[in-house]
Amino acid sequence: MTNDEINVILDNEDSITAHTTTNMVNVIFGDGNYNIRPITSYEELSDLPQINDVTLLGNKTSDDLELQDKMDSLTNQDIEELLNNFV
């Protein structure tokens, strides 16, 4: 980030002013003045997504995520037997 100023006018005509520096954003909103550290990497995010209760962080294999690698092969007869047993 560089030293910049951003002004945003909201629908209700309030405004937000943000001053950015190298590692901090100073936001002025209403009567408040807030210093916010920008997130610069995925690992810093809160509530990282998950698959099967495994957080998606780093390289995960299908085994790590408890996913099925590939479908089992079924013949037409196998499918008919499954359907007949289902009914």
Protein backbone atom coordinates (compact mmCIF):
# COMPACT_ATOMS: atom_id res chain seq x y z
CA MET A 1 0.00 0.00 0.00
CA THR A 2 1.02 3.56 -0.51
CA ASN A 3 0.07 6.68 1.43
CA ASP A 4 -3.33 7.40 -0.10
CA GLU A 5 -6.68 8.81 0.99
CA ILE A 6 -9.99 7.26 -0.01
CA ASN A 7 -13.34 8.97 0.52
CA VAL A 8 -16.56 6.95 0.23
CA ILE A 9 -20.03 8.49 0.34
CA LEU A 10 -22.64 6.03 1.65
CA ASP A 11 -26.30 5.80 0.56
CA ASN A 12 -27.41 7.70 3.68
CA GLU A 13 -24.96 10.48 2.74
CA ASP A 14 -22.56 9.62 5.58
CA SER A 15 -18.97 9.37 4.50
CA ILE A 16 -15.97 7.23 5.33
CA THR A 17 -12.43 8.50 4.93
CA ALA A 18 -9.58 6.01 4.89
CA HIS A 19 -5.88 6.91 5.01
CA THR A 20 -3.60 4.07 4.03
CA THR A 21 0.03 3.62 4.99
CA THR A 22 2.42 0.76 4.50
CA ASN A 23 0.91 -1.54 7.13
CA MET A 24 -2.12 0.25 8.60
CA VAL A 25 -5.41 1.77 7.45
CA ASN A 26 -6.82 4.65 9.48
CA VAL A 27 -10.61 4.86 8.96
CA ILE A 28 -12.65 7.88 10.03
CA PHE A 29 -16.37 7.19 10.24
CA GLY A 30 -18.80 9.43 12.09
CA ASP A 31 -17.23 10.34 15.40
CA GLY A 32 -14.90 7.32 15.33
CA ASN A 33 -11.32 6.95 14.24
CA TYR A 34 -10.21 3.34 13.71
CA ASN A 35 -6.80 1.86 12.94
CA ILE A 36 -7.10 -1.37 10.97
CA ARG A 37 -4.26 -3.67 9.97
CA PRO A 38 -4.95 -5.00 6.46
CA ILE A 39 -4.87 -8.74 5.90
CA THR A 40 -2.06 -9.61 3.55
CA SER A 41 -2.18 -13.40 3.48
CA TYR A 42 -4.81 -16.14 3.36
CA GLU A 43 -3.64 -17.59 6.69
CA GLU A 44 -4.62 -14.35 8.48
CA LEU A 45 -8.29 -14.66 7.50
CA SER A 46 -10.77 -15.62 10.19
CA ASP A 47 -13.28 -18.39 9.52
CA LEU A 48 -11.24 -20.21 6.89
CA PRO A 49 -13.38 -22.52 4.76
CA GLN A 50 -13.56 -26.21 5.58
CA ILE A 51 -14.45 -29.45 3.84
CA ASN A 52 -15.50 -32.34 6.08
CA ASP A 53 -14.32 -30.35 9.13
CA VAL A 54 -10.80 -29.98 7.65
CA THR A 55 -9.62 -26.36 7.34
CA LEU A 56 -8.46 -25.46 3.84
CA LEU A 57 -4.97 -24.32 4.69
CA GLY A 58 -1.93 -25.43 2.71
CA ASN A 59 -2.02 -28.21 0.15
CA LYS A 60 -4.63 -30.82 1.02
CA THR A 61 -5.09 -34.17 -0.68
CA SER A 62 -8.40 -35.90 -1.25
CA ASP A 63 -7.39 -38.25 1.59
CA ASP A 64 -6.83 -35.26 3.90
CA LEU A 65 -10.31 -33.99 3.05
CA GLU A 66 -11.83 -37.47 3.27
CA LEU A 67 -13.01 -37.32 -0.33
CA GLN A 68 -13.58 -40.26 -2.60
CA ASP A 69 -10.69 -40.48 -5.09
CA LYS A 70 -12.66 -42.05 -7.90
CA MET A 71 -15.96 -43.74 -8.52
CA ASP A 72 -16.33 -47.48 -8.29
CA SER A 73 -16.92 -49.16 -11.60
CA LEU A 74 -20.41 -50.59 -12.02
CA THR A 75 -21.75 -52.78 -14.77
CA ASN A 76 -25.31 -52.53 -16.04
CA GLN A 77 -26.09 -55.71 -14.09
CA ASP A 78 -24.71 -54.13 -10.88
CA ILE A 79 -26.94 -51.11 -11.40
CA GLU A 80 -30.01 -53.26 -12.06
CA GLU A 81 -29.34 -55.28 -8.89
CA LEU A 82 -28.98 -52.11 -6.83
CA LEU A 83 -32.20 -50.70 -8.22
CA ASN A 84 -34.08 -53.97 -7.69
CA ASN A 85 -32.89 -54.14 -4.08
CA PHE A 86 -33.91 -50.54 -3.55
CA VAL A 87 -37.54 -51.03 -4.58
